[in-house]
């Protein structure tokens, strides 16, 4: 008769843990357009949404590589983002990326995507001059875009006619 043993049997095939992790970060600089003096600046981590993760995974399929991230969107609410968000809380505007958008990849370091957009002092948008959220999107209109990630600022950034705004969002795996 065999004795029962309390020790777990070790498999010759160890468990595999595969995860898709993305980290996002927003950095903004608000300047007085006349003097160039920095009025406000900030840096925060953001939430990469479920649709954003799906979008990134979809890029791995060659048949779906026709659509790429195109713009940074700005909204005027500070409601906390969730991974199931599909839109900004209060759409204000979007700007296609400036020159300097980069994608780096290597086999021995993390891949990084960085996108930048900026607004001049004479550019405003309807509904609000209070900025409370930013997002990377595919598309540029309030009713036709895919939300990749989203971050809220906690308190409003007050964009006025005497300011410029430069935004950079970085995604690293």
N, C-alpha and C. Protein backbone atom coordinates (compact mmCIF):
# COMPACT_ATOMS: atom_id res chain seq x y z
N UNK A 1 0.83 -1.17 0.00
CA UNK A 1 0.00 0.00 0.00
C UNK A 1 0.88 1.24 0.00
N UNK A 2 0.54 2.18 -0.86
CA UNK A 2 1.29 3.42 -0.99
C UNK A 2 0.89 4.42 0.05
N UNK A 3 1.85 5.13 0.57
CA UNK A 3 1.54 6.17 1.55
C UNK A 3 1.29 7.49 0.84
N UNK A 4 0.30 8.22 1.34
CA UNK A 4 0.01 9.55 0.79
C UNK A 4 1.10 10.51 1.24
N UNK A 5 1.45 11.40 0.38
CA UNK A 5 2.46 12.39 0.73
C UNK A 5 1.84 13.78 0.69
N UNK A 6 2.26 14.63 1.60
CA UNK A 6 1.71 15.99 1.63
C UNK A 6 2.49 16.95 0.76
N UNK A 7 3.65 16.55 0.31
CA UNK A 7 4.44 17.43 -0.54
C UNK A 7 3.86 17.48 -1.94
N UNK A 8 3.85 18.67 -2.54
CA UNK A 8 3.34 18.83 -3.89
C UNK A 8 4.35 18.27 -4.87
N UNK A 9 3.84 17.66 -5.91
CA UNK A 9 4.71 17.15 -6.95
C UNK A 9 5.16 18.30 -7.83
N UNK A 10 6.40 18.32 -8.19
CA UNK A 10 6.92 19.36 -9.08
C UNK A 10 6.74 18.91 -10.52
N UNK A 11 6.18 19.81 -11.30
CA UNK A 11 6.01 19.54 -12.72
C UNK A 11 7.33 19.79 -13.42
N UNK A 12 7.57 19.00 -14.46
CA UNK A 12 8.79 19.28 -15.22
C UNK A 12 8.57 20.46 -16.17
N UNK A 13 7.31 20.96 -16.27
CA UNK A 13 6.98 22.14 -17.05
C UNK A 13 6.52 23.24 -16.11
N UNK A 14 7.39 24.19 -15.77
CA UNK A 14 6.99 25.25 -14.83
C UNK A 14 5.88 26.12 -15.41
N UNK A 15 5.11 26.70 -14.52
CA UNK A 15 4.01 27.59 -14.93
C UNK A 15 4.57 28.80 -15.67
N UNK A 16 3.84 29.23 -16.67
CA UNK A 16 4.23 30.41 -17.44
C UNK A 16 3.28 31.54 -17.10
N UNK A 17 3.82 32.72 -16.86
CA UNK A 17 3.01 33.89 -16.55
C UNK A 17 3.28 34.93 -17.61
N UNK A 18 2.32 35.15 -18.45
CA UNK A 18 2.41 36.12 -19.52
C UNK A 18 1.46 37.26 -19.21
N UNK A 19 1.95 38.48 -19.20
CA UNK A 19 1.07 39.62 -18.98
C UNK A 19 1.38 40.71 -19.98
N UNK A 20 0.38 41.49 -20.28
CA UNK A 20 0.52 42.63 -21.17
C UNK A 20 0.44 43.87 -20.29
N UNK A 21 1.58 44.46 -20.00
CA UNK A 21 1.61 45.61 -19.11
C UNK A 21 2.04 46.84 -19.89
N UNK A 22 1.32 47.92 -19.70
CA UNK A 22 1.69 49.21 -20.26
C UNK A 22 1.61 50.25 -19.16
N UNK A 23 2.57 51.13 -19.16
CA UNK A 23 2.55 52.24 -18.21
C UNK A 23 2.52 53.52 -19.03
N UNK A 24 1.70 54.45 -18.60
CA UNK A 24 1.62 55.72 -19.29
C UNK A 24 2.01 56.85 -18.36
N UNK A 25 2.49 57.91 -18.95
CA UNK A 25 2.87 59.08 -18.16
C UNK A 25 2.57 60.34 -18.95
N UNK A 26 2.03 61.32 -18.29
CA UNK A 26 1.75 62.62 -18.89
C UNK A 26 2.68 63.63 -18.26
N UNK A 27 3.20 64.51 -19.09
CA UNK A 27 3.98 65.63 -18.60
C UNK A 27 3.48 66.87 -19.33
N UNK A 28 3.16 67.94 -18.60
CA UNK A 28 2.71 69.16 -19.25
C UNK A 28 3.47 70.35 -18.71
N UNK A 29 3.60 71.38 -19.57
CA UNK A 29 4.24 72.64 -19.21
C UNK A 29 3.35 73.76 -19.74
N UNK A 30 2.87 74.61 -18.85
CA UNK A 30 2.04 75.76 -19.21
C UNK A 30 2.91 77.01 -19.04
N UNK A 31 3.06 77.80 -20.11
CA UNK A 31 3.93 78.98 -20.08
C UNK A 31 3.16 80.25 -20.42
N UNK A 32 3.63 81.34 -19.91
CA UNK A 32 3.13 82.65 -20.31
C UNK A 32 3.70 82.90 -21.70
N UNK A 33 2.84 83.15 -22.69
CA UNK A 33 3.30 83.28 -24.07
C UNK A 33 4.14 84.53 -24.31
N UNK A 34 3.97 85.53 -23.48
CA UNK A 34 4.75 86.76 -23.67
C UNK A 34 6.14 86.66 -23.07
N UNK A 35 6.27 86.07 -21.89
CA UNK A 35 7.56 86.04 -21.20
C UNK A 35 8.26 84.69 -21.27
N UNK A 36 7.49 83.64 -21.58
CA UNK A 36 8.07 82.30 -21.61
C UNK A 36 8.22 81.68 -20.23
N UNK A 37 7.80 82.40 -19.19
CA UNK A 37 7.91 81.92 -17.81
C UNK A 37 6.93 80.76 -17.59
N UNK A 38 7.40 79.73 -16.92
CA UNK A 38 6.54 78.58 -16.62
C UNK A 38 5.53 78.98 -15.56
N UNK A 39 4.24 78.79 -15.88
CA UNK A 39 3.15 79.12 -14.98
C UNK A 39 2.75 77.88 -14.16
N UNK A 40 2.76 76.73 -14.82
CA UNK A 40 2.36 75.49 -14.16
C UNK A 40 3.02 74.34 -14.90
N UNK A 41 3.32 73.29 -14.18
CA UNK A 41 3.84 72.08 -14.81
C UNK A 41 3.46 70.90 -13.94
N UNK A 42 3.40 69.74 -14.57
CA UNK A 42 3.03 68.55 -13.82
C UNK A 42 3.47 67.29 -14.53
N UNK A 43 3.47 66.21 -13.76
CA UNK A 43 3.88 64.90 -14.29
C UNK A 43 3.13 63.85 -13.49
N UNK A 44 2.41 62.96 -14.18
CA UNK A 44 1.63 61.94 -13.50
C UNK A 44 1.59 60.67 -14.33
N UNK A 45 1.30 59.56 -13.66
CA UNK A 45 1.04 58.30 -14.37
C UNK A 45 -0.41 58.29 -14.80
N UNK A 46 -0.74 57.49 -15.80
CA UNK A 46 -2.12 57.44 -16.26
C UNK A 46 -2.61 56.01 -16.38
N UNK A 47 -3.85 55.87 -16.78
CA UNK A 47 -4.51 54.58 -16.93
C UNK A 47 -4.56 54.23 -18.41
N UNK A 48 -4.04 53.05 -18.78
CA UNK A 48 -4.20 52.55 -20.13
C UNK A 48 -5.48 51.71 -20.11
N UNK A 49 -6.47 52.11 -20.88
CA UNK A 49 -7.79 51.52 -20.82
C UNK A 49 -7.84 50.13 -21.47
N UNK A 50 -8.92 49.38 -21.20
CA UNK A 50 -9.10 48.07 -21.81
C UNK A 50 -9.15 48.19 -23.33
N UNK A 51 -9.82 49.23 -23.85
CA UNK A 51 -9.86 49.40 -25.31
C UNK A 51 -8.48 49.79 -25.83
N UNK A 52 -7.72 50.53 -25.05
CA UNK A 52 -6.35 50.88 -25.46
C UNK A 52 -5.45 49.66 -25.51
N UNK A 53 -5.57 48.79 -24.52
CA UNK A 53 -4.78 47.55 -24.53
C UNK A 53 -5.19 46.69 -25.71
N UNK A 54 -6.49 46.63 -25.99
CA UNK A 54 -6.96 45.87 -27.15
C UNK A 54 -6.46 46.46 -28.44
N UNK A 55 -6.43 47.80 -28.53
CA UNK A 55 -5.89 48.48 -29.70
C UNK A 55 -4.43 48.10 -29.92
N UNK A 56 -3.64 48.13 -28.85
CA UNK A 56 -2.22 47.79 -28.96
C UNK A 56 -2.05 46.33 -29.38
N UNK A 57 -2.81 45.45 -28.79
CA UNK A 57 -2.73 44.05 -29.18
C UNK A 57 -3.14 43.85 -30.64
N UNK A 58 -4.14 44.61 -31.08
CA UNK A 58 -4.59 44.52 -32.46
C UNK A 58 -3.51 44.89 -33.47
N UNK A 59 -2.56 45.70 -33.07
CA UNK A 59 -1.47 46.08 -33.96
C UNK A 59 -0.54 44.90 -34.24
N UNK A 60 -0.63 43.86 -33.45
CA UNK A 60 0.20 42.68 -33.68
C UNK A 60 -0.31 41.86 -34.86
N UNK A 61 -1.55 42.09 -35.27
CA UNK A 61 -2.15 41.37 -36.39
C UNK A 61 -1.94 42.20 -37.64
N UNK A 62 -1.20 41.68 -38.60
CA UNK A 62 -0.82 42.49 -39.76
C UNK A 62 -2.02 43.02 -40.54
N UNK A 63 -3.13 42.29 -40.57
CA UNK A 63 -4.29 42.74 -41.33
C UNK A 63 -4.93 43.99 -40.72
N UNK A 64 -4.65 44.27 -39.45
CA UNK A 64 -5.29 45.42 -38.80
C UNK A 64 -4.38 46.62 -38.62
N UNK A 65 -3.23 46.62 -39.25
CA UNK A 65 -2.28 47.71 -39.05
C UNK A 65 -2.59 48.97 -39.84
N UNK A 66 -3.82 49.15 -40.26
CA UNK A 66 -4.16 50.35 -41.03
C UNK A 66 -4.42 51.56 -40.15
N UNK A 67 -4.71 51.35 -38.89
CA UNK A 67 -5.05 52.46 -38.00
C UNK A 67 -4.01 52.60 -36.91
N UNK A 68 -3.50 53.81 -36.73
CA UNK A 68 -2.49 54.07 -35.71
C UNK A 68 -2.93 55.24 -34.84
N UNK A 69 -2.37 55.34 -33.65
CA UNK A 69 -2.65 56.49 -32.79
C UNK A 69 -2.31 57.77 -33.53
N UNK A 70 -3.15 58.78 -33.40
CA UNK A 70 -2.97 59.98 -34.21
C UNK A 70 -2.92 61.29 -33.45
N UNK A 71 -3.45 61.35 -32.21
CA UNK A 71 -3.61 62.66 -31.59
C UNK A 71 -3.62 62.58 -30.07
N UNK A 72 -3.44 63.74 -29.45
CA UNK A 72 -3.64 63.91 -28.01
C UNK A 72 -4.93 64.70 -27.85
N UNK A 73 -5.85 64.14 -27.07
CA UNK A 73 -7.13 64.80 -26.83
C UNK A 73 -7.09 65.49 -25.47
N UNK A 74 -7.86 66.56 -25.35
CA UNK A 74 -7.96 67.33 -24.12
C UNK A 74 -9.43 67.39 -23.72
N UNK A 75 -9.68 67.22 -22.43
CA UNK A 75 -11.03 67.30 -21.92
C UNK A 75 -11.10 68.22 -20.71
N UNK A 76 -12.31 68.52 -20.29
CA UNK A 76 -12.48 69.49 -19.20
C UNK A 76 -13.22 68.91 -18.01
N UNK A 77 -12.83 67.72 -17.59
CA UNK A 77 -13.35 67.16 -16.36
C UNK A 77 -12.19 66.52 -15.61
N UNK A 78 -12.32 66.36 -14.33
CA UNK A 78 -11.25 65.74 -13.55
C UNK A 78 -11.72 64.42 -12.93
N UNK A 79 -12.78 63.83 -13.48
CA UNK A 79 -13.25 62.53 -12.98
C UNK A 79 -12.16 61.48 -13.18
N UNK A 80 -11.93 60.68 -12.17
CA UNK A 80 -10.87 59.68 -12.22
C UNK A 80 -11.08 58.69 -13.37
N UNK A 81 -10.03 58.36 -14.11
CA UNK A 81 -10.17 57.40 -15.21
C UNK A 81 -10.28 55.97 -14.69
N UNK A 82 -10.92 55.13 -15.50
CA UNK A 82 -10.98 53.69 -15.21
C UNK A 82 -10.53 52.94 -16.45
N UNK A 83 -10.19 51.68 -16.29
CA UNK A 83 -9.72 50.91 -17.44
C UNK A 83 -10.84 50.60 -18.43
N UNK A 84 -12.09 50.82 -18.06
CA UNK A 84 -13.19 50.58 -18.99
C UNK A 84 -13.71 51.84 -19.67
N UNK A 85 -13.04 52.98 -19.49
CA UNK A 85 -13.44 54.22 -20.17
C UNK A 85 -13.31 54.06 -21.68
N UNK A 86 -14.24 54.62 -22.42
CA UNK A 86 -14.18 54.61 -23.88
C UNK A 86 -14.17 56.03 -24.46
N UNK A 87 -14.29 57.03 -23.59
CA UNK A 87 -14.32 58.43 -24.04
C UNK A 87 -13.79 59.33 -22.94
N UNK A 88 -13.51 60.57 -23.29
CA UNK A 88 -13.18 61.57 -22.29
C UNK A 88 -14.46 61.94 -21.56
N UNK A 89 -14.33 62.41 -20.33
CA UNK A 89 -15.50 62.84 -19.58
C UNK A 89 -16.17 64.05 -20.19
N UNK A 90 -15.39 64.98 -20.73
CA UNK A 90 -15.92 66.19 -21.35
C UNK A 90 -14.95 66.64 -22.45
N UNK A 91 -15.19 66.19 -23.67
CA UNK A 91 -14.33 66.49 -24.81
C UNK A 91 -14.18 67.99 -25.01
N UNK A 92 -12.93 68.45 -25.21
CA UNK A 92 -12.69 69.86 -25.54
C UNK A 92 -12.09 69.98 -26.93
N UNK A 93 -10.98 69.28 -27.18
CA UNK A 93 -10.30 69.37 -28.47
C UNK A 93 -9.29 68.23 -28.59
N UNK A 94 -8.72 68.11 -29.77
CA UNK A 94 -7.63 67.15 -30.01
C UNK A 94 -6.64 67.79 -30.96
N UNK A 95 -5.41 67.38 -30.86
CA UNK A 95 -4.35 67.89 -31.73
C UNK A 95 -3.53 66.71 -32.22
N UNK A 96 -3.32 66.66 -33.54
CA UNK A 96 -2.46 65.61 -34.07
C UNK A 96 -1.04 65.83 -33.54
N UNK A 97 -0.29 64.78 -33.50
CA UNK A 97 1.04 64.82 -32.89
C UNK A 97 1.96 65.81 -33.61
N UNK A 98 2.80 66.47 -32.81
CA UNK A 98 3.86 67.32 -33.33
C UNK A 98 4.99 66.45 -33.86
N UNK A 99 5.93 67.08 -34.54
CA UNK A 99 7.16 66.39 -34.91
C UNK A 99 7.84 65.97 -33.61
N UNK A 100 8.44 64.82 -33.59
CA UNK A 100 9.11 64.36 -32.39
C UNK A 100 8.43 63.15 -31.78
N UNK A 101 7.33 62.69 -32.37
CA UNK A 101 6.71 61.47 -31.89
C UNK A 101 7.66 60.32 -32.21
N UNK A 102 7.91 59.48 -31.21
CA UNK A 102 8.92 58.44 -31.39
C UNK A 102 8.41 57.08 -30.94
N UNK A 103 8.99 56.04 -31.51
CA UNK A 103 8.77 54.67 -31.08
C UNK A 103 10.12 54.00 -31.08
N UNK A 104 10.54 53.52 -29.92
CA UNK A 104 11.80 52.82 -29.83
C UNK A 104 11.53 51.39 -29.42
N UNK A 105 12.24 50.48 -30.01
CA UNK A 105 12.10 49.08 -29.63
C UNK A 105 13.46 48.40 -29.74
N UNK A 106 13.68 47.49 -28.84
CA UNK A 106 14.92 46.71 -28.82
C UNK A 106 14.62 45.41 -28.08
N UNK A 107 15.46 44.43 -28.28
CA UNK A 107 15.22 43.15 -27.62
C UNK A 107 15.70 43.14 -26.18
N UNK A 108 16.55 44.10 -25.80
CA UNK A 108 17.11 44.07 -24.45
C UNK A 108 16.64 45.22 -23.55
N UNK A 109 15.75 46.08 -24.04
CA UNK A 109 15.21 47.16 -23.23
C UNK A 109 13.71 47.31 -23.49
N UNK A 110 13.06 48.08 -22.67
CA UNK A 110 11.63 48.31 -22.84
C UNK A 110 11.36 49.12 -24.11
N UNK A 111 10.25 48.83 -24.75
CA UNK A 111 9.80 49.62 -25.90
C UNK A 111 9.09 50.86 -25.37
N UNK A 112 9.30 51.99 -26.03
CA UNK A 112 8.72 53.24 -25.56
C UNK A 112 8.13 54.01 -26.73
N UNK A 113 6.91 54.48 -26.54
CA UNK A 113 6.23 55.36 -27.50
C UNK A 113 6.06 56.70 -26.82
N UNK A 114 6.46 57.77 -27.47
CA UNK A 114 6.27 59.12 -26.92
C UNK A 114 5.62 59.99 -27.99
N UNK A 115 4.57 60.69 -27.58
CA UNK A 115 3.85 61.58 -28.50
C UNK A 115 3.74 62.95 -27.86
N UNK A 116 3.80 63.99 -28.69
CA UNK A 116 3.74 65.36 -28.19
C UNK A 116 2.77 66.19 -29.03
N UNK A 117 2.13 67.13 -28.38
CA UNK A 117 1.27 68.10 -29.06
C UNK A 117 1.36 69.41 -28.30
N UNK A 118 1.09 70.51 -28.98
CA UNK A 118 1.16 71.80 -28.29
C UNK A 118 0.08 72.74 -28.82
N UNK A 119 -0.27 73.68 -27.98
CA UNK A 119 -1.27 74.69 -28.30
C UNK A 119 -0.67 76.06 -28.05
N UNK A 120 -0.89 76.99 -28.97
CA UNK A 120 -0.39 78.36 -28.84
C UNK A 120 -1.38 79.20 -28.04
N UNK A 121 -0.95 80.39 -27.67
CA UNK A 121 -1.76 81.26 -26.82
C UNK A 121 -3.04 81.74 -27.51
N UNK A 122 -3.05 81.79 -28.84
CA UNK A 122 -4.23 82.27 -29.54
C UNK A 122 -5.21 81.15 -29.89
N UNK A 123 -4.94 79.93 -29.44
CA UNK A 123 -5.81 78.80 -29.73
C UNK A 123 -6.68 78.49 -28.52
N UNK A 124 -7.96 78.51 -28.73
CA UNK A 124 -8.90 78.15 -27.68
C UNK A 124 -9.87 77.14 -28.26
N UNK A 125 -10.70 76.59 -27.43
CA UNK A 125 -11.73 75.66 -27.90
C UNK A 125 -13.02 75.99 -27.20
N UNK A 126 -14.09 75.58 -27.80
CA UNK A 126 -15.40 75.91 -27.25
C UNK A 126 -15.65 75.14 -25.96
N UNK A 127 -16.51 75.62 -25.17
CA UNK A 127 -17.00 75.02 -23.93
C UNK A 127 -16.15 75.26 -22.69
N UNK A 128 -14.83 75.33 -22.81
CA UNK A 128 -14.05 75.46 -21.58
C UNK A 128 -12.62 75.85 -21.84
N UNK A 129 -12.02 76.55 -20.90
CA UNK A 129 -10.58 76.79 -20.91
C UNK A 129 -9.95 76.05 -19.74
N UNK A 130 -10.75 75.26 -19.04
CA UNK A 130 -10.24 74.44 -17.94
C UNK A 130 -9.90 73.06 -18.48
N UNK A 131 -8.66 72.64 -18.27
CA UNK A 131 -8.21 71.33 -18.72
C UNK A 131 -8.13 70.42 -17.52
N UNK A 132 -8.74 69.26 -17.62
CA UNK A 132 -8.71 68.31 -16.52
C UNK A 132 -8.34 66.91 -16.93
N UNK A 133 -8.27 66.66 -18.25
CA UNK A 133 -7.93 65.30 -18.71
C UNK A 133 -7.22 65.35 -20.05
N UNK A 134 -6.41 64.33 -20.27
CA UNK A 134 -5.66 64.16 -21.51
C UNK A 134 -5.78 62.70 -21.92
N UNK A 135 -5.63 62.43 -23.22
CA UNK A 135 -5.69 61.05 -23.70
C UNK A 135 -4.96 60.91 -25.03
N UNK A 136 -4.43 59.73 -25.28
CA UNK A 136 -3.94 59.37 -26.60
C UNK A 136 -5.12 58.74 -27.33
N UNK A 137 -5.34 59.17 -28.57
CA UNK A 137 -6.48 58.64 -29.31
C UNK A 137 -6.10 58.29 -30.75
N UNK A 138 -6.94 57.52 -31.38
CA UNK A 138 -6.89 57.26 -32.81
C UNK A 138 -8.11 57.95 -33.37
N UNK A 139 -7.92 59.02 -34.13
CA UNK A 139 -8.99 59.87 -34.62
C UNK A 139 -8.80 61.26 -34.06
N UNK A 140 -9.60 62.21 -34.51
CA UNK A 140 -9.42 63.58 -34.00
C UNK A 140 -10.72 64.31 -33.73
N UNK A 141 -11.85 63.63 -33.77
CA UNK A 141 -13.11 64.31 -33.51
C UNK A 141 -13.78 63.71 -32.28
N UNK A 142 -14.65 64.48 -31.67
CA UNK A 142 -15.27 64.08 -30.41
C UNK A 142 -16.18 62.87 -30.54
N UNK A 143 -16.62 62.55 -31.73
CA UNK A 143 -17.53 61.42 -31.87
C UNK A 143 -16.96 60.28 -32.71
N UNK A 144 -15.69 60.35 -33.09
CA UNK A 144 -15.10 59.30 -33.92
C UNK A 144 -13.65 59.07 -33.52
N UNK A 145 -13.45 58.39 -32.40
CA UNK A 145 -12.10 58.09 -31.98
C UNK A 145 -12.08 56.84 -31.10
N UNK A 146 -10.89 56.26 -30.97
CA UNK A 146 -10.65 55.17 -30.04
C UNK A 146 -9.75 55.69 -28.94
N UNK A 147 -10.15 55.51 -27.71
CA UNK A 147 -9.39 55.98 -26.56
C UNK A 147 -8.33 54.94 -26.20
N UNK A 148 -7.07 55.34 -26.24
CA UNK A 148 -5.98 54.42 -25.88
C UNK A 148 -5.66 54.52 -24.39
N UNK A 149 -5.45 55.71 -23.90
CA UNK A 149 -5.20 55.90 -22.47
C UNK A 149 -5.82 57.21 -22.03
N UNK A 150 -5.84 57.41 -20.72
CA UNK A 150 -6.48 58.61 -20.19
C UNK A 150 -5.85 58.95 -18.85
N UNK A 151 -5.69 60.25 -18.62
CA UNK A 151 -5.19 60.72 -17.34
C UNK A 151 -5.95 61.99 -16.97
N UNK A 152 -6.27 62.12 -15.70
CA UNK A 152 -6.87 63.37 -15.23
C UNK A 152 -5.86 64.07 -14.32
N UNK A 153 -5.98 65.38 -14.25
CA UNK A 153 -4.99 66.18 -13.54
C UNK A 153 -5.30 66.36 -12.06
N UNK A 154 -6.48 65.99 -11.61
CA UNK A 154 -6.84 66.17 -10.20
C UNK A 154 -7.44 67.55 -9.97
N UNK A 155 -6.71 68.58 -10.31
CA UNK A 155 -7.26 69.93 -10.28
C UNK A 155 -7.08 70.52 -11.68
N UNK A 156 -7.90 71.48 -12.02
CA UNK A 156 -7.89 72.01 -13.38
C UNK A 156 -6.62 72.78 -13.69
N UNK A 157 -6.19 72.67 -14.93
CA UNK A 157 -5.15 73.53 -15.49
C UNK A 157 -5.93 74.63 -16.22
N UNK A 158 -5.75 75.86 -15.86
CA UNK A 158 -6.50 76.96 -16.46
C UNK A 158 -5.72 77.54 -17.63
N UNK A 159 -6.17 77.18 -18.83
CA UNK A 159 -5.52 77.63 -20.06
C UNK A 159 -6.15 78.95 -20.49
N UNK A 160 -5.34 79.97 -20.57
CA UNK A 160 -5.83 81.29 -20.96
C UNK A 160 -5.13 81.80 -22.19
N UNK A 161 -5.56 82.95 -22.68
CA UNK A 161 -4.99 83.51 -23.89
C UNK A 161 -3.56 84.00 -23.70
N UNK A 162 -3.08 84.01 -22.47
CA UNK A 162 -1.69 84.42 -22.25
C UNK A 162 -0.79 83.20 -22.00
N UNK A 163 -1.29 82.00 -22.33
CA UNK A 163 -0.52 80.77 -22.08
C UNK A 163 -0.27 80.00 -23.36
N UNK A 164 0.74 79.15 -23.31
CA UNK A 164 0.95 78.10 -24.30
C UNK A 164 0.95 76.79 -23.53
N UNK A 165 0.67 75.70 -24.20
CA UNK A 165 0.61 74.40 -23.54
C UNK A 165 1.34 73.38 -24.37
N UNK A 166 2.29 72.67 -23.77
CA UNK A 166 3.00 71.58 -24.42
C UNK A 166 2.74 70.31 -23.63
N UNK A 167 2.31 69.25 -24.31
CA UNK A 167 1.96 67.98 -23.66
C UNK A 167 2.75 66.86 -24.31
N UNK A 168 3.34 66.00 -23.48
CA UNK A 168 4.00 64.80 -23.94
C UNK A 168 3.45 63.61 -23.17
N UNK A 169 3.03 62.58 -23.88
CA UNK A 169 2.55 61.35 -23.24
C UNK A 169 3.48 60.23 -23.66
N UNK A 170 3.97 59.48 -22.69
CA UNK A 170 4.90 58.38 -22.94
C UNK A 170 4.26 57.07 -22.49
N UNK A 171 4.36 56.04 -23.32
CA UNK A 171 3.87 54.70 -22.99
C UNK A 171 5.07 53.76 -23.05
N UNK A 172 5.29 53.02 -21.97
CA UNK A 172 6.40 52.08 -21.90
C UNK A 172 5.87 50.73 -21.47
N UNK A 173 6.36 49.68 -22.10
CA UNK A 173 5.90 48.36 -21.67
C UNK A 173 6.74 47.81 -20.56
